[in-house]
Amino acid sequence: MNLNLVPLGWIHSLACLLALALGAFLLATRKGTQRHRRLGQAYLISQGVLNLTALGIYQLHVFFFPHWLAMITLGLIAVGWLAARFHQPPVVWKHVHLSCMILSYYMLIGGGVNEVYLRIDALRALVNHDGLRIISQTHSVVMLIFLILLVGWNLSEIIRAIVRRTRRRPTTPAAA
C-alpha cells in the first residue's frame, strides 16, 4: 500500500474518512432531527476541508479534473446547505438539499474509487493489466447505486408529500 502523502494529503485523507463516516450515517438515519442537523454541519465542514485541501494537492504539478471535481463538490455542498438552512426554494428545498448531499457523497465515493486503485498495489497491478476498463466498470456500479438512491429518495419524498396532502383534505359529507 502506498501512503506516501504530503502533510496536506494527510489532512485531506482524514477529512475524507470523517466525511465518509458522517455521510453514511446521515444517509442511513432519520432526517430532520437535531442530531441530523449537528452531524450534517460536521459533514459540511469535513467536505469543505477535504475539497479545499484537494485544491492544494498538485502531484502532477497541474490543475486538472480532480481539482474541478472538488470545485463542483464545494458548489454542491453550498447549495445543499443553503437549501436546508433557508428552506428555499419553498416547495422543493428538501429535494435540492437531498440531491446535493447525495451527489456530494457520490463525488466522495468516486474519488475514493480512484484512490483505492492508485494506492493499493494489488489493485494498481490489476489496472496496469486490464487498463482503465476495470476502473470505469467500478465507477459505473457506484454511479448506478447513487442514481438509484437519488431517484428513490426523491420519489419517496414526492409520495410522502402527496399522501400528506390527501390526508389534509377535508372530507365532504356524502350527498343524500
C-alpha atoms as a PDB file:
ATOM      1  CA  MET A   1       0.000   0.000   0.000  1.00  0.00           C
ATOM      2  CA  ASN A   2       1.336   3.409  -0.970  1.00  0.00           C
ATOM      3  CA  LEU A   3       0.646   6.065   1.686  1.00  0.00           C
ATOM      4  CA  ASN A   4       3.415   8.428   0.678  1.00  0.00           C
ATOM      5  CA  LEU A   5       1.495  11.639   1.396  1.00  0.00           C
ATOM      6  CA  VAL A   6       2.484  15.229   2.000  1.00  0.00           C
ATOM      7  CA  PRO A   7       1.095  16.823   5.219  1.00  0.00           C
ATOM      8  CA  LEU A   8      -1.760  18.420   3.253  1.00  0.00           C
ATOM      9  CA  GLY A   9      -2.550  14.962   1.882  1.00  0.00           C
ATOM     10  CA  TRP A  10      -2.886  13.571   5.414  1.00  0.00           C
ATOM     11  CA  ILE A  11      -5.319  16.342   6.376  1.00  0.00           C
ATOM     12  CA  HIS A  12      -7.210  15.663   3.171  1.00  0.00           C
ATOM     13  CA  SER A  13      -7.318  11.916   3.875  1.00  0.00           C
ATOM     14  CA  LEU A  14      -8.526  12.351   7.459  1.00  0.00           C
ATOM     15  CA  ALA A  15     -11.260  14.742   6.321  1.00  0.00           C
ATOM     16  CA  CYS A  16     -12.251  12.178   3.665  1.00  0.00           C
ATOM     17  CA  LEU A  17     -12.554   9.415   6.264  1.00  0.00           C
ATOM     18  CA  LEU A  18     -14.637  11.650   8.524  1.00  0.00           C
ATOM     19  CA  ALA A  19     -16.912  12.677   5.642  1.00  0.00           C
ATOM     20  CA  LEU A  20     -17.292   9.024   4.578  1.00  0.00           C
ATOM     21  CA  ALA A  21     -18.415   8.002   8.060  1.00  0.00           C
ATOM     22  CA  LEU A  22     -20.675  11.002   8.619  1.00  0.00           C
ATOM     23  CA  GLY A  23     -22.232  10.810   5.170  1.00  0.00           C
ATOM     24  CA  ALA A  24     -23.056   7.118   5.515  1.00  0.00           C
ATOM     25  CA  PHE A  25     -24.569   7.714   8.953  1.00  0.00           C
ATOM     26  CA  LEU A  26     -26.626  10.666   7.731  1.00  0.00           C
ATOM     27  CA  LEU A  27     -27.909   8.753   4.721  1.00  0.00           C
ATOM     28  CA  ALA A  28     -28.950   5.813   6.904  1.00  0.00           C
ATOM     29  CA  THR A  29     -30.605   7.651   9.798  1.00  0.00           C
ATOM     30  CA  ARG A  30     -33.721   9.756  10.330  1.00  0.00           C
ATOM     31  CA  LYS A  31     -33.702  13.169   8.687  1.00  0.00           C
ATOM     32  CA  GLY A  32     -34.648  16.497  10.236  1.00  0.00           C
ATOM     33  CA  THR A  33     -33.667  15.733  13.827  1.00  0.00           C
ATOM     34  CA  GLN A  34     -31.347  17.866  15.932  1.00  0.00           C
ATOM     35  CA  ARG A  35     -28.706  15.116  15.663  1.00  0.00           C
ATOM     36  CA  HIS A  36     -29.082  15.135  11.856  1.00  0.00           C
ATOM     37  CA  ARG A  37     -28.518  18.897  11.800  1.00  0.00           C
ATOM     38  CA  ARG A  38     -25.423  18.733  14.048  1.00  0.00           C
ATOM     39  CA  LEU A  39     -23.857  15.830  12.169  1.00  0.00           C
ATOM     40  CA  GLY A  40     -24.839  17.470   8.887  1.00  0.00           C
ATOM     41  CA  GLN A  41     -22.829  20.537   9.895  1.00  0.00           C
ATOM     42  CA  ALA A  42     -19.866  18.281  10.713  1.00  0.00           C
ATOM     43  CA  TYR A  43     -20.290  16.626   7.287  1.00  0.00           C
ATOM     44  CA  LEU A  44     -20.376  20.057   5.646  1.00  0.00           C
ATOM     45  CA  ILE A  45     -17.163  21.091   7.417  1.00  0.00           C
ATOM     46  CA  SER A  46     -15.372  17.827   6.620  1.00  0.00           C
ATOM     47  CA  GLN A  47     -16.442  18.086   2.960  1.00  0.00           C
ATOM     48  CA  GLY A  48     -15.250  21.697   2.914  1.00  0.00           C
ATOM     49  CA  VAL A  49     -11.861  20.756   4.366  1.00  0.00           C
ATOM     50  CA  LEU A  50     -11.356  17.779   2.064  1.00  0.00           C
ATOM     51  CA  ASN A  51     -12.313  19.697  -1.067  1.00  0.00           C
ATOM     52  CA  LEU A  52     -10.311  22.806  -0.180  1.00  0.00           C
ATOM     53  CA  THR A  53      -7.251  20.681   0.593  1.00  0.00           C
ATOM     54  CA  ALA A  54      -7.811  18.823  -2.694  1.00  0.00           C
ATOM     55  CA  LEU A  55      -7.332  22.142  -4.455  1.00  0.00           C
ATOM     56  CA  GLY A  56      -3.856  22.364  -2.906  1.00  0.00           C
ATOM     57  CA  ILE A  57      -2.639  18.900  -3.887  1.00  0.00           C
ATOM     58  CA  TYR A  58      -0.601  19.057  -7.090  1.00  0.00           C
ATOM     59  CA  GLN A  59       1.026  15.654  -7.513  1.00  0.00           C
ATOM     60  CA  LEU A  60       1.205  16.202 -11.276  1.00  0.00           C
ATOM     61  CA  HIS A  61       2.031  19.917 -10.878  1.00  0.00           C
ATOM     62  CA  VAL A  62      -1.034  20.936 -12.858  1.00  0.00           C
ATOM     63  CA  PHE A  63      -4.644  21.922 -12.120  1.00  0.00           C
ATOM     64  CA  PHE A  64      -6.701  19.098 -13.662  1.00  0.00           C
ATOM     65  CA  PHE A  65     -10.031  17.232 -13.394  1.00  0.00           C
ATOM     66  CA  PRO A  66      -9.848  16.245  -9.680  1.00  0.00           C
ATOM     67  CA  HIS A  67      -9.496  19.938  -8.861  1.00  0.00           C
ATOM     68  CA  TRP A  68     -12.545  20.756 -10.988  1.00  0.00           C
ATOM     69  CA  LEU A  69     -14.482  17.966  -9.269  1.00  0.00           C
ATOM     70  CA  ALA A  70     -13.521  19.455  -5.895  1.00  0.00           C
ATOM     71  CA  MET A  71     -14.866  22.839  -7.007  1.00  0.00           C
ATOM     72  CA  ILE A  72     -18.104  21.229  -8.233  1.00  0.00           C
ATOM     73  CA  THR A  73     -18.467  19.426  -4.901  1.00  0.00           C
ATOM     74  CA  LEU A  74     -17.913  22.672  -2.987  1.00  0.00           C
ATOM     75  CA  GLY A  75     -20.753  24.143  -5.051  1.00  0.00           C
ATOM     76  CA  LEU A  76     -22.989  21.151  -4.327  1.00  0.00           C
ATOM     77  CA  ILE A  77     -22.480  21.313  -0.567  1.00  0.00           C
ATOM     78  CA  ALA A  78     -23.022  25.078  -0.592  1.00  0.00           C
ATOM     79  CA  VAL A  79     -26.316  24.795  -2.500  1.00  0.00           C
ATOM     80  CA  GLY A  80     -27.434  21.839  -0.354  1.00  0.00           C
ATOM     81  CA  TRP A  81     -26.650  23.687   2.871  1.00  0.00           C
ATOM     82  CA  LEU A  82     -28.350  26.883   1.701  1.00  0.00           C
ATOM     83  CA  ALA A  83     -31.486  24.973   0.708  1.00  0.00           C
ATOM     84  CA  ALA A  84     -31.710  23.323   4.144  1.00  0.00           C
ATOM     85  CA  ARG A  85     -30.751  26.438   6.078  1.00  0.00           C
ATOM     86  CA  PHE A  86     -33.234  28.800   4.462  1.00  0.00           C
ATOM     87  CA  HIS A  87     -35.834  26.283   3.179  1.00  0.00           C
ATOM     88  CA  GLN A  88     -35.588  27.835  -0.256  1.00  0.00           C
ATOM     89  CA  PRO A  89     -36.970  27.317  -2.844  1.00  0.00           C
ATOM     90  CA  PRO A  90     -40.054  26.740  -0.686  1.00  0.00           C
ATOM     91  CA  VAL A  91     -41.662  23.806  -2.480  1.00  0.00           C
ATOM     92  CA  VAL A  92     -38.546  21.854  -3.438  1.00  0.00           C
ATOM     93  CA  TRP A  93     -35.889  22.719  -0.841  1.00  0.00           C
ATOM     94  CA  LYS A  94     -35.867  19.150   0.527  1.00  0.00           C
ATOM     95  CA  HIS A  95     -35.265  17.742  -2.939  1.00  0.00           C
ATOM     96  CA  VAL A  96     -32.490  20.258  -3.609  1.00  0.00           C
ATOM     97  CA  HIS A  97     -30.864  19.541  -0.233  1.00  0.00           C
ATOM     98  CA  LEU A  98     -31.157  15.776  -0.575  1.00  0.00           C
ATOM     99  CA  SER A  99     -29.943  15.740  -4.186  1.00  0.00           C
ATOM    100  CA  CYS A 100     -26.943  17.947  -3.461  1.00  0.00           C
ATOM    101  CA  MET A 101     -25.905  15.929  -0.431  1.00  0.00           C
ATOM    102  CA  ILE A 102     -26.283  12.587  -2.229  1.00  0.00           C
ATOM    103  CA  LEU A 103     -24.278  13.942  -5.163  1.00  0.00           C
ATOM    104  CA  SER A 104     -21.573  15.289  -2.832  1.00  0.00           C
ATOM    105  CA  TYR A 105     -21.309  11.848  -1.216  1.00  0.00           C
ATOM    106  CA  TYR A 106     -21.168  10.272  -4.674  1.00  0.00           C
ATOM    107  CA  MET A 107     -18.257  12.552  -5.561  1.00  0.00           C
ATOM    108  CA  LEU A 108     -16.504  11.459  -2.365  1.00  0.00           C
ATOM    109  CA  ILE A 109     -17.016   7.762  -3.126  1.00  0.00           C
ATOM    110  CA  GLY A 110     -15.925   8.301  -6.735  1.00  0.00           C
ATOM    111  CA  GLY A 111     -12.707   9.923  -5.560  1.00  0.00           C
ATOM    112  CA  GLY A 112     -12.251   7.027  -3.148  1.00  0.00           C
ATOM    113  CA  VAL A 113     -12.542   4.543  -6.015  1.00  0.00           C
ATOM    114  CA  ASN A 114      -9.726   6.321  -7.828  1.00  0.00           C
ATOM    115  CA  GLU A 115      -7.568   6.443  -4.686  1.00  0.00           C
ATOM    116  CA  VAL A 116      -8.088   2.759  -3.921  1.00  0.00           C
ATOM    117  CA  TYR A 117      -6.901   1.791  -7.402  1.00  0.00           C
ATOM    118  CA  LEU A 118      -3.986   4.198  -7.075  1.00  0.00           C
ATOM    119  CA  ARG A 119      -2.840   3.292  -3.544  1.00  0.00           C
ATOM    120  CA  ILE A 120      -3.413  -0.472  -3.190  1.00  0.00           C
ATOM    121  CA  ASP A 121      -0.662  -2.281  -5.065  1.00  0.00           C
ATOM    122  CA  ALA A 122      -2.733  -5.376  -5.996  1.00  0.00           C
ATOM    123  CA  LEU A 123      -5.480  -3.203  -7.495  1.00  0.00           C
ATOM    124  CA  ARG A 124      -2.948  -0.996  -9.226  1.00  0.00           C
ATOM    125  CA  ALA A 125      -1.448  -4.100 -10.838  1.00  0.00           C
ATOM    126  CA  LEU A 126      -4.946  -5.089 -11.957  1.00  0.00           C
ATOM    127  CA  VAL A 127      -5.388  -1.684 -13.594  1.00  0.00           C
ATOM    128  CA  ASN A 128      -1.985  -1.970 -15.244  1.00  0.00           C
ATOM    129  CA  HIS A 129      -3.083  -5.350 -16.647  1.00  0.00           C
ATOM    130  CA  ASP A 130      -6.652  -4.531 -17.693  1.00  0.00           C
ATOM    131  CA  GLY A 131      -6.264  -0.838 -18.372  1.00  0.00           C
ATOM    132  CA  LEU A 132      -8.888   1.671 -17.357  1.00  0.00           C
ATOM    133  CA  ARG A 133     -11.745  -0.734 -18.079  1.00  0.00           C
ATOM    134  CA  ILE A 134     -11.790  -2.064 -14.506  1.00  0.00           C
ATOM    135  CA  ILE A 135     -11.905   1.458 -13.023  1.00  0.00           C
ATOM    136  CA  SER A 136     -14.683   2.532 -15.385  1.00  0.00           C
ATOM    137  CA  GLN A 137     -16.687  -0.589 -14.505  1.00  0.00           C
ATOM    138  CA  THR A 138     -16.294   0.163 -10.807  1.00  0.00           C
ATOM    139  CA  HIS A 139     -17.370   3.752 -11.371  1.00  0.00           C
ATOM    140  CA  SER A 140     -20.379   2.530 -13.380  1.00  0.00           C
ATOM    141  CA  VAL A 141     -21.541   0.342 -10.482  1.00  0.00           C
ATOM    142  CA  VAL A 142     -21.065   3.208  -7.991  1.00  0.00           C
ATOM    143  CA  MET A 143     -22.910   5.592 -10.306  1.00  0.00           C
ATOM    144  CA  LEU A 144     -25.823   3.165 -10.685  1.00  0.00           C
ATOM    145  CA  ILE A 145     -26.119   2.742  -6.910  1.00  0.00           C
ATOM    146  CA  PHE A 146     -26.167   6.503  -6.351  1.00  0.00           C
ATOM    147  CA  LEU A 147     -28.610   7.061  -9.198  1.00  0.00           C
ATOM    148  CA  ILE A 148     -30.963   4.569  -7.549  1.00  0.00           C
ATOM    149  CA  LEU A 149     -30.518   6.377  -4.199  1.00  0.00           C
ATOM    150  CA  LEU A 150     -31.100   9.772  -5.759  1.00  0.00           C
ATOM    151  CA  VAL A 151     -34.232   8.770  -7.658  1.00  0.00           C
ATOM    152  CA  GLY A 152     -35.544   6.561  -4.856  1.00  0.00           C
ATOM    153  CA  TRP A 153     -35.258   9.135  -2.088  1.00  0.00           C
ATOM    154  CA  ASN A 154     -36.686  11.920  -4.200  1.00  0.00           C
ATOM    155  CA  LEU A 155     -39.607   9.739  -5.295  1.00  0.00           C
ATOM    156  CA  SER A 156     -40.277   8.719  -1.704  1.00  0.00           C
ATOM    157  CA  GLU A 157     -40.375  12.412  -0.695  1.00  0.00           C
ATOM    158  CA  ILE A 158     -42.817  13.146  -3.521  1.00  0.00           C
ATOM    159  CA  ILE A 159     -45.026  10.227  -2.477  1.00  0.00           C
ATOM    160  CA  ARG A 160     -44.942  11.372   1.175  1.00  0.00           C
ATOM    161  CA  ALA A 161     -45.965  14.885   0.123  1.00  0.00           C
ATOM    162  CA  ILE A 162     -48.876  13.541  -1.924  1.00  0.00           C
ATOM    163  CA  VAL A 163     -50.014  11.334   0.970  1.00  0.00           C
ATOM    164  CA  ARG A 164     -49.837  14.291   3.391  1.00  0.00           C
ATOM    165  CA  ARG A 165     -51.895  16.454   1.037  1.00  0.00           C
ATOM    166  CA  THR A 166     -54.589  13.836   0.575  1.00  0.00           C
ATOM    167  CA  ARG A 167     -54.840  13.338   4.347  1.00  0.00           C
ATOM    168  CA  ARG A 168     -55.277  17.087   4.934  1.00  0.00           C
ATOM    169  CA  ARG A 169     -58.154  17.495   2.513  1.00  0.00           C
ATOM    170  CA  PRO A 170     -61.411  17.955   4.372  1.00  0.00           C
ATOM    171  CA  THR A 171     -63.849  15.220   3.675  1.00  0.00           C
ATOM    172  CA  THR A 172     -67.155  16.389   2.310  1.00  0.00           C
ATOM    173  CA  PRO A 173     -70.320  14.782   3.635  1.00  0.00           C
ATOM    174  CA  ALA A 174     -71.880  12.377   1.189  1.00  0.00           C
ATOM    175  CA  ALA A 175     -74.808  13.850  -0.716  1.00  0.00           C
ATOM    176  CA  ALA A 176     -78.105  12.271   0.195  1.00  0.00           C
END
